[in-house]
Every structure is written in structure tokens, then in C-alpha cells.
Protein backbone atom coordinates (compact mmCIF):
# COMPACT_ATOMS: atom_id res chain seq x y z
CA MET A 1 -0.40 0.31 0.17
CA LYS A 2 1.15 3.38 -0.51
CA THR A 3 1.53 6.21 1.84
CA ALA A 4 0.28 9.75 1.02
CA LYS A 5 3.78 11.92 1.08
CA LYS A 6 3.39 14.68 4.19
CA ILE A 7 2.82 17.81 3.41
CA THR A 8 4.17 20.65 6.21
CA THR A 9 2.85 23.27 6.67
CA LEU A 10 2.72 26.13 9.04
CA PRO A 11 -0.27 28.81 9.87
CA GLY A 12 1.59 31.27 8.74
CA ARG A 13 0.34 34.30 6.82
CA ASN A 14 -0.25 37.41 8.97
CA ALA A 15 -2.89 38.88 7.52
CA ARG A 16 -3.02 42.24 9.62
CA VAL A 17 -0.16 43.66 8.58
CA MET A 18 0.07 42.85 4.48
CA GLY A 19 -0.89 45.46 2.22
CA PRO A 20 -3.72 45.09 -0.82
CA HIS A 21 -1.74 44.46 -3.61
CA SER A 22 -0.63 41.35 -5.30
CA VAL A 23 1.22 39.94 -8.71
CA ARG A 24 1.14 36.50 -10.45
CA VAL A 25 4.00 35.41 -13.28
CA THR A 26 3.61 32.04 -14.76
CA ARG A 27 6.71 30.68 -16.41
CA THR A 28 6.51 27.27 -17.91
CA TYR A 29 9.93 25.24 -18.11
CA ASP A 30 11.82 22.20 -20.09
CA ALA A 31 12.73 20.77 -16.35
CA LYS A 32 11.26 18.47 -14.21
CA PRO A 33 8.95 19.55 -11.39
CA GLU A 34 11.66 17.81 -9.12
CA LYS A 35 14.46 20.13 -10.13
CA ILE A 36 12.84 23.40 -10.30
CA PHE A 37 11.45 23.12 -6.65
CA ARG A 38 15.17 22.26 -5.76
CA ALA A 39 16.33 25.33 -7.24
CA TRP A 40 14.21 27.08 -5.23
CA THR A 41 14.87 24.73 -1.78
CA ASP A 42 18.91 24.11 -2.08
CA PRO A 43 20.87 26.61 -0.12
CA THR A 44 23.71 26.79 -2.33
CA SER A 45 21.26 26.83 -5.52
CA ILE A 46 19.29 29.96 -3.84
CA GLY A 47 22.26 32.00 -3.43
CA ALA A 48 23.82 31.30 -7.51
CA TRP A 49 20.51 32.06 -9.70
CA LEU A 50 18.22 34.65 -6.91
CA ALA A 51 21.03 36.20 -4.98
CA ASN A 52 22.93 35.81 -7.40
CA GLY A 53 25.94 35.15 -5.87
CA GLU A 54 25.45 37.51 -3.02
CA TYR A 55 25.37 36.72 0.24
CA SER A 56 22.36 34.17 1.31
CA THR A 57 21.39 31.69 3.78
CA ALA A 58 18.18 29.33 4.42
CA ASP A 59 17.37 26.69 6.68
CA VAL A 60 14.89 25.35 4.29
CA ARG A 61 12.39 23.55 6.34
CA VAL A 62 8.87 25.03 7.81
CA GLY A 63 8.93 27.50 10.37
CA GLY A 64 12.66 27.92 8.83
CA LEU A 65 14.38 31.56 8.14
CA PHE A 66 16.18 32.49 5.04
CA TYR A 67 17.75 35.52 4.61
CA ILE A 68 18.94 37.04 1.02
CA GLN A 69 21.13 40.23 0.08
CA MET A 70 20.01 41.20 -3.58
CA ARG A 71 22.01 44.36 -4.93
CA ALA A 72 19.71 46.76 -6.28
CA LEU A 73 20.08 50.24 -7.47
CA GLU A 74 23.74 49.89 -6.84
CA LYS A 75 23.42 48.91 -2.98
CA ILE A 76 22.83 45.46 -0.95
CA ASN A 77 19.43 44.96 -0.35
CA PRO A 78 17.87 42.67 2.72
CA HIS A 79 15.18 40.25 1.91
CA TYR A 80 14.08 37.59 4.76
CA GLY A 81 11.09 35.56 5.80
CA ARG A 82 9.94 32.10 6.73
CA TYR A 83 9.33 29.05 5.74
CA LEU A 84 5.13 28.39 6.04
CA ARG A 85 4.82 25.23 3.49
CA ILE A 86 6.82 22.89 1.77
CA ASP A 87 4.83 20.44 -0.19
CA SER A 88 7.64 19.50 -2.67
CA PRO A 89 7.70 19.28 -5.21
CA ARG A 90 4.58 20.70 -6.06
CA ALA A 91 3.96 24.17 -4.40
CA LEU A 92 6.52 26.29 -1.77
CA GLU A 93 5.61 28.88 0.33
CA PHE A 94 6.90 31.68 2.02
CA THR A 95 7.03 35.50 3.86
CA TRP A 96 9.19 37.49 2.29
CA VAL A 97 10.46 41.27 4.13
CA SER A 98 12.68 44.03 2.44
CA GLU A 99 12.84 47.47 1.92
CA TRP A 100 10.49 47.46 -1.36
CA THR A 101 7.51 45.77 0.74
CA MET A 102 8.07 48.93 3.26
CA GLY A 103 9.34 46.34 6.19
CA LYS A 104 5.94 44.69 6.45
CA GLU A 105 5.29 41.11 6.03
CA SER A 106 4.16 39.77 2.49
CA ALA A 107 3.78 36.27 1.26
CA VAL A 108 5.05 33.99 -2.04
CA LEU A 109 3.84 30.77 -3.39
CA ILE A 110 4.76 28.58 -5.56
CA GLU A 111 3.26 26.27 -7.62
CA LEU A 112 4.69 23.92 -9.79
CA ALA A 113 2.29 21.50 -12.56
CA VAL A 114 3.52 19.42 -15.39
CA LYS A 115 2.80 20.61 -18.96
CA LYS A 116 3.27 18.95 -21.76
CA GLY A 117 6.69 17.38 -20.90
CA GLY A 118 7.50 20.48 -18.74
CA THR A 119 6.67 22.08 -16.32
CA GLU A 120 4.45 25.19 -15.02
CA LEU A 121 5.83 27.56 -12.93
CA THR A 122 3.20 29.76 -11.18
CA LEU A 123 4.57 32.21 -8.80
CA THR A 124 2.03 34.58 -6.60
CA HIS A 125 2.81 37.23 -4.25
CA ASP A 126 0.60 38.53 -1.94
CA GLY A 127 0.03 41.15 0.32
CA LEU A 128 2.30 44.27 -1.03
CA PRO A 129 1.50 47.70 -0.06
CA ASN A 130 0.73 49.78 -2.74
CA GLU A 131 0.77 49.35 -6.63
CA ILE A 132 3.64 50.77 -7.34
CA LEU A 133 6.21 47.92 -5.81
CA ALA A 134 3.59 45.37 -6.61
CA GLU A 135 4.63 46.77 -10.07
CA ALA A 136 8.36 46.13 -8.67
CA HIS A 137 8.31 43.07 -8.01
CA SER A 138 6.17 41.58 -11.34
CA ALA A 139 9.12 42.75 -13.33
CA GLY A 140 11.91 41.58 -10.63
CA TRP A 141 9.72 38.39 -10.25
CA SER A 142 10.18 37.97 -13.78
CA SER A 143 13.90 38.87 -14.31
CA PHE A 144 13.97 36.06 -11.63
CA LEU A 145 12.60 33.87 -13.50
CA GLU A 146 14.28 34.20 -16.13
CA GLU A 147 17.83 33.85 -14.33
CA LEU A 148 16.82 30.42 -13.64
CA ASN A 149 15.51 29.53 -16.44
CA SER A 150 19.51 29.99 -17.54
CA ARG A 151 19.96 28.04 -14.30
CA LEU A 152 17.99 25.06 -15.09
């Protein structure tokens, strides 16, 4: 008898502090969901493509914390959060805090689905504080997802 895979979650979005804006970005990759999921959860991989070689650390477990330095506008921008849900290889959810969220907690959900021999990744970022920062995050995530494609 096959046992069901355990999905680990942490009750966790802090809706009281989250902003009203969301963005959604979708990409299709010529890779299996497991490989893409590893890119998001392997600390070395995260540092290579998401931090673009800057400092990063990740304790990838529900409740675990991550810290990523991103270089933008000629300075280091710290980003940090905690993992809320890990459902390998289908979904990953984490909080996201930075200067670009005005220091408020937001939440990112990565969903992976098999599509025509590849994988469709849908990234939803909820809780952004205003439309300008939502547009900036949409552009930023689009760029990072292209970088991920080059690393796969």
C-alpha cells in the first residue's frame, strides 16, 4: 500500500500587516518539477540564481528562516522571511520582507504543475503595500524567473 506524502505547513500568513496588492507571474520550463523545486530549496542554488552570487542562507523547513542579499540600485537590499509550507515538488510558500515591501511581511507562493513534458511555475506574491511596489515586484520576479531558466 502506498502511503501519502506528508505535506508540512505552518499557519502563517499575517494578514493584519499585509498590503492589498498581489502579482502573479507564470513561466513554463523544460525541466521536471523536482528539479525546479530543488532550485528554490537548495541553499547553494538559491544563492546562485536568486541572490545572484551575493550572500544568502536558508534553513529550508517549515518555520525555518532565509536571508538573501540582492544587489539593486547600486546597493545591497536584504530580503528575509520564513517558510510556511513545503509540499515537494508541488508547492512552496514563504513570507517575504524587504525595503521593497516597506518592511511589512508579504507572502510568496510557488506552484509547480506538469505541462506538456515540462513544468509550469506560477508565482503569486500577495500582500504588497502599493501598486508601484507591486509593479516593481512583478518585473523583479519576471527577471528572476528568466535567470532561473538559464540555470536549469
